[in-house]
């Protein structure tokens, strides 16, 4: 299982009447610095591409398939994503 990790600030979406609709996290464009490269090299599907020139495109595809758009809604977290919001910045771990 390959792991992608990043930290981001939790932000809030407000309704017109100033009540909170939901919380969300902006998902950055994934690069090698977000990845546990040892787990990617050992992965059966991505292992051959971990050090290739098409790896950024693979990360872009993972981001597109896992998250709808560029945000992660905290009320609609996918099954392969873990979010720890105990600190100032939320820690998001994506298991691929």
C-alpha atoms as a PDB file:
ATOM      1  CA  UNK A   1       0.000   0.000   0.000  1.00  0.00           C
ATOM      2  CA  UNK A   2       1.451   3.354  -1.054  1.00  0.00           C
ATOM      3  CA  UNK A   3       1.025   6.381   1.202  1.00  0.00           C
ATOM      4  CA  UNK A   4       0.572  10.067   0.363  1.00  0.00           C
ATOM      5  CA  UNK A   5       0.643  12.555   3.267  1.00  0.00           C
ATOM      6  CA  UNK A   6       0.104  16.287   3.551  1.00  0.00           C
ATOM      7  CA  UNK A   7      -0.852  18.909   6.118  1.00  0.00           C
ATOM      8  CA  UNK A   8      -3.384  21.650   5.502  1.00  0.00           C
ATOM      9  CA  UNK A   9      -5.566  24.114   7.336  1.00  0.00           C
ATOM     10  CA  UNK A  10      -9.212  23.245   7.962  1.00  0.00           C
ATOM     11  CA  UNK A  11     -11.487  25.938   6.566  1.00  0.00           C
ATOM     12  CA  UNK A  12     -15.214  26.518   6.940  1.00  0.00           C
ATOM     13  CA  UNK A  13     -17.976  27.202   4.420  1.00  0.00           C
ATOM     14  CA  UNK A  14     -20.741  29.445   5.715  1.00  0.00           C
ATOM     15  CA  UNK A  15     -24.341  29.598   4.579  1.00  0.00           C
ATOM     16  CA  UNK A  16     -26.080  32.871   3.749  1.00  0.00           C
ATOM     17  CA  UNK A  17     -27.428  33.115   7.306  1.00  0.00           C
ATOM     18  CA  UNK A  18     -23.834  32.776   8.644  1.00  0.00           C
ATOM     19  CA  UNK A  19     -24.272  29.209   9.926  1.00  0.00           C
ATOM     20  CA  UNK A  20     -21.533  26.735   9.168  1.00  0.00           C
ATOM     21  CA  UNK A  21     -22.356  24.491   6.220  1.00  0.00           C
ATOM     22  CA  UNK A  22     -19.291  22.214   6.320  1.00  0.00           C
ATOM     23  CA  UNK A  23     -15.536  22.097   6.841  1.00  0.00           C
ATOM     24  CA  UNK A  24     -13.076  21.429   4.039  1.00  0.00           C
ATOM     25  CA  UNK A  25      -9.369  21.113   3.295  1.00  0.00           C
ATOM     26  CA  UNK A  26      -7.701  22.282   0.095  1.00  0.00           C
ATOM     27  CA  UNK A  27      -5.827  19.395  -1.520  1.00  0.00           C
ATOM     28  CA  UNK A  28      -2.409  20.427  -2.901  1.00  0.00           C
ATOM     29  CA  UNK A  29      -0.965  19.196  -6.159  1.00  0.00           C
ATOM     30  CA  UNK A  30       0.847  16.008  -5.153  1.00  0.00           C
ATOM     31  CA  UNK A  31       4.600  15.801  -5.685  1.00  0.00           C
ATOM     32  CA  UNK A  32       7.272  13.352  -4.570  1.00  0.00           C
ATOM     33  CA  UNK A  33       7.666  15.257  -1.304  1.00  0.00           C
ATOM     34  CA  UNK A  34       4.130  14.190  -0.316  1.00  0.00           C
ATOM     35  CA  UNK A  35       4.807  10.505  -1.046  1.00  0.00           C
ATOM     36  CA  UNK A  36       6.425   7.726   0.917  1.00  0.00           C
ATOM     37  CA  UNK A  37       8.637   6.733  -1.994  1.00  0.00           C
ATOM     38  CA  UNK A  38       9.714   3.428  -0.442  1.00  0.00           C
ATOM     39  CA  UNK A  39       6.100   2.281  -0.317  1.00  0.00           C
ATOM     40  CA  UNK A  40       5.533   3.483  -3.901  1.00  0.00           C
ATOM     41  CA  UNK A  41       8.614   1.588  -5.135  1.00  0.00           C
ATOM     42  CA  UNK A  42       7.351  -1.590  -3.434  1.00  0.00           C
ATOM     43  CA  UNK A  43       3.768  -1.164  -4.715  1.00  0.00           C
ATOM     44  CA  UNK A  44       2.742  -3.767  -7.286  1.00  0.00           C
ATOM     45  CA  UNK A  45       0.953  -1.276  -9.561  1.00  0.00           C
ATOM     46  CA  UNK A  46       3.053   1.888  -9.183  1.00  0.00           C
ATOM     47  CA  UNK A  47       6.472   0.367  -8.430  1.00  0.00           C
ATOM     48  CA  UNK A  48       7.702   0.460 -12.017  1.00  0.00           C
ATOM     49  CA  UNK A  49       6.719   4.124 -12.405  1.00  0.00           C
ATOM     50  CA  UNK A  50       7.961   5.506  -9.072  1.00  0.00           C
ATOM     51  CA  UNK A  51      11.180   6.928 -10.547  1.00  0.00           C
ATOM     52  CA  UNK A  52       9.924   7.660 -14.046  1.00  0.00           C
ATOM     53  CA  UNK A  53       8.996  10.913 -15.767  1.00  0.00           C
ATOM     54  CA  UNK A  54       5.302  10.014 -15.772  1.00  0.00           C
ATOM     55  CA  UNK A  55       5.099   9.755 -11.962  1.00  0.00           C
ATOM     56  CA  UNK A  56       3.706  13.328 -11.577  1.00  0.00           C
ATOM     57  CA  UNK A  57       0.899  12.382 -13.989  1.00  0.00           C
ATOM     58  CA  UNK A  58       0.154   9.296 -11.920  1.00  0.00           C
ATOM     59  CA  UNK A  59      -0.056  11.453  -8.780  1.00  0.00           C
ATOM     60  CA  UNK A  60      -2.368  13.855 -10.596  1.00  0.00           C
ATOM     61  CA  UNK A  61      -4.629  10.940 -11.536  1.00  0.00           C
ATOM     62  CA  UNK A  62      -4.666   9.655  -7.943  1.00  0.00           C
ATOM     63  CA  UNK A  63      -5.651  13.132  -6.737  1.00  0.00           C
ATOM     64  CA  UNK A  64      -8.395  13.378  -9.364  1.00  0.00           C
ATOM     65  CA  UNK A  65      -9.804   9.922  -8.588  1.00  0.00           C
ATOM     66  CA  UNK A  66      -9.670  10.260  -4.803  1.00  0.00           C
ATOM     67  CA  UNK A  67     -10.926  13.816  -4.332  1.00  0.00           C
ATOM     68  CA  UNK A  68     -13.795  15.493  -6.128  1.00  0.00           C
ATOM     69  CA  UNK A  69     -12.169  18.680  -7.353  1.00  0.00           C
ATOM     70  CA  UNK A  70      -9.447  20.374  -5.332  1.00  0.00           C
ATOM     71  CA  UNK A  71     -11.020  20.121  -1.881  1.00  0.00           C
ATOM     72  CA  UNK A  72     -11.680  17.408   0.683  1.00  0.00           C
ATOM     73  CA  UNK A  73     -14.997  17.888   2.422  1.00  0.00           C
ATOM     74  CA  UNK A  74     -14.723  16.626   5.989  1.00  0.00           C
ATOM     75  CA  UNK A  75     -18.306  15.397   5.931  1.00  0.00           C
ATOM     76  CA  UNK A  76     -17.573  13.259   2.812  1.00  0.00           C
ATOM     77  CA  UNK A  77     -14.208  11.615   3.463  1.00  0.00           C
ATOM     78  CA  UNK A  78     -13.372   8.736   1.065  1.00  0.00           C
ATOM     79  CA  UNK A  79     -12.656   5.282   2.529  1.00  0.00           C
ATOM     80  CA  UNK A  80      -8.946   5.317   1.683  1.00  0.00           C
ATOM     81  CA  UNK A  81      -8.331   8.707   3.346  1.00  0.00           C
ATOM     82  CA  UNK A  82      -7.595   9.290   7.047  1.00  0.00           C
ATOM     83  CA  UNK A  83      -7.791  12.793   8.529  1.00  0.00           C
ATOM     84  CA  UNK A  84      -6.393  13.856  11.915  1.00  0.00           C
ATOM     85  CA  UNK A  85      -7.693  17.299  12.893  1.00  0.00           C
ATOM     86  CA  UNK A  86      -6.329  17.311  16.447  1.00  0.00           C
ATOM     87  CA  UNK A  87      -3.555  19.843  15.718  1.00  0.00           C
ATOM     88  CA  UNK A  88      -3.485  23.315  14.198  1.00  0.00           C
ATOM     89  CA  UNK A  89      -3.002  21.793  10.754  1.00  0.00           C
ATOM     90  CA  UNK A  90      -4.910  18.697   9.734  1.00  0.00           C
ATOM     91  CA  UNK A  91      -2.849  15.671   8.754  1.00  0.00           C
ATOM     92  CA  UNK A  92      -4.294  13.878   5.737  1.00  0.00           C
ATOM     93  CA  UNK A  93      -3.098  10.389   4.835  1.00  0.00           C
ATOM     94  CA  UNK A  94      -4.141   8.831   1.514  1.00  0.00           C
ATOM     95  CA  UNK A  95      -3.676   5.067   1.142  1.00  0.00           C
ATOM     96  CA  UNK A  96      -3.360   4.073  -2.502  1.00  0.00           C
END
